[in-house]
Amino acid sequence: MDAASVFGLIIGMALVGLVPGFIAKSKERSFWGFWLLGACFFWPGFIAVLIVKNKKKERMRNEAEVAGYERLFREGRITEYEFMSKRKQLLGW
């Protein structure tokens, strides 16, 4: 292989890696991590980024669930310990 074809291959790999990178960024995941994975191993990187969950949706779902537990706590249906442990579990506090 001559230098031009090696350079073209490297540029092509870098451009192909942008696809998983931008999908990951839209899901609030690491652009550079998925770009590197996609540039080196496109299909596994592409499949992985499609499978990975969206952090924003997951966080919103957890916050809604915590709000439900907070309502139960205010109504006296669960203890403060149960509420705090659930909040810590769901939000990572």
Protein backbone atom coordinates (compact mmCIF):
# COMPACT_ATOMS: atom_id res chain seq x y z
CA MET A 1 0.00 0.00 0.00
CA ASP A 2 1.26 3.41 -0.84
CA ALA A 3 0.99 6.43 1.44
CA ALA A 4 -2.02 7.91 -0.37
CA SER A 5 -4.16 4.80 0.07
CA VAL A 6 -3.19 4.50 3.77
CA PHE A 7 -4.08 8.17 4.27
CA GLY A 8 -7.41 7.64 2.47
CA LEU A 9 -8.16 4.62 4.66
CA ILE A 10 -7.46 6.59 7.84
CA ILE A 11 -9.64 9.50 6.67
CA GLY A 12 -12.43 7.08 5.72
CA MET A 13 -12.29 5.38 9.10
CA ALA A 14 -12.41 8.76 10.87
CA LEU A 15 -15.44 9.84 8.85
CA VAL A 16 -17.29 6.54 9.35
CA GLY A 17 -16.69 6.86 13.10
CA LEU A 18 -18.71 10.08 13.10
CA VAL A 19 -21.97 8.16 12.67
CA PRO A 20 -21.86 6.32 16.02
CA GLY A 21 -20.29 9.38 17.63
CA PHE A 22 -23.15 11.71 16.75
CA ILE A 23 -25.81 9.13 17.66
CA ALA A 24 -24.12 8.72 21.06
CA LYS A 25 -23.98 12.48 21.55
CA SER A 26 -27.73 12.75 20.89
CA LYS A 27 -28.24 10.18 23.67
CA GLU A 28 -26.00 12.17 26.04
CA ARG A 29 -23.22 9.59 25.84
CA SER A 30 -19.52 10.01 25.05
CA PHE A 31 -19.04 11.26 21.48
CA TRP A 32 -15.32 10.49 21.45
CA GLY A 33 -15.66 7.02 22.95
CA PHE A 34 -18.22 5.93 20.38
CA TRP A 35 -16.37 7.74 17.59
CA LEU A 36 -13.24 5.73 18.39
CA LEU A 37 -15.21 2.50 18.59
CA GLY A 38 -16.97 3.29 15.31
CA ALA A 39 -13.75 4.28 13.56
CA CYS A 40 -11.96 1.07 14.55
CA PHE A 41 -14.89 -1.37 14.48
CA PHE A 42 -17.84 0.21 12.70
CA TRP A 43 -20.54 -2.45 12.96
CA PRO A 44 -20.00 -3.33 16.64
CA GLY A 45 -19.82 0.39 17.46
CA PHE A 46 -22.96 1.13 15.46
CA ILE A 47 -24.91 -1.70 17.11
CA ALA A 48 -23.68 -0.69 20.57
CA VAL A 49 -24.75 2.92 20.15
CA LEU A 50 -28.20 1.84 18.97
CA ILE A 51 -28.62 -0.44 21.99
CA VAL A 52 -27.37 1.99 24.66
CA LYS A 53 -30.12 3.83 26.53
CA ASN A 54 -30.72 7.55 26.32
CA LYS A 55 -29.45 9.11 29.57
CA LYS A 56 -31.86 12.03 29.40
CA LYS A 57 -34.96 9.83 29.09
CA GLU A 58 -33.68 7.53 31.83
CA ARG A 59 -33.03 10.49 34.15
CA MET A 60 -36.49 11.97 33.48
CA ARG A 61 -38.12 8.59 34.14
CA ASN A 62 -36.22 8.23 37.43
CA GLU A 63 -37.14 11.78 38.50
CA ALA A 64 -40.81 11.06 37.84
CA GLU A 65 -40.58 7.88 39.88
CA VAL A 66 -38.92 9.77 42.75
CA ALA A 67 -41.75 12.32 42.63
CA GLY A 68 -44.20 9.46 43.07
CA TYR A 69 -42.28 8.17 46.08
CA GLU A 70 -42.15 11.70 47.48
CA ARG A 71 -45.94 11.91 47.24
CA LEU A 72 -46.23 8.57 49.07
CA PHE A 73 -43.87 9.86 51.77
CA ARG A 74 -45.85 13.09 52.23
CA GLU A 75 -49.06 11.05 52.52
CA GLY A 76 -47.40 8.94 55.21
CA ARG A 77 -47.63 5.69 53.26
CA ILE A 78 -43.87 5.07 53.32
CA THR A 79 -41.18 6.00 55.84
CA GLU A 80 -38.51 8.64 55.35
CA TYR A 81 -35.90 5.89 55.24
CA GLU A 82 -37.74 4.10 52.41
CA PHE A 83 -38.09 7.36 50.49
CA MET A 84 -34.44 8.35 50.94
CA SER A 85 -33.16 4.89 49.97
CA LYS A 86 -35.33 4.86 46.82
CA ARG A 87 -34.20 8.38 45.92
CA LYS A 88 -30.57 7.36 46.37
CA GLN A 89 -31.09 4.24 44.30
CA LEU A 90 -32.83 6.08 41.43
CA LEU A 91 -30.86 9.34 41.34
CA GLY A 92 -27.52 8.15 42.67
CA TRP A 93 -27.47 10.62 45.58
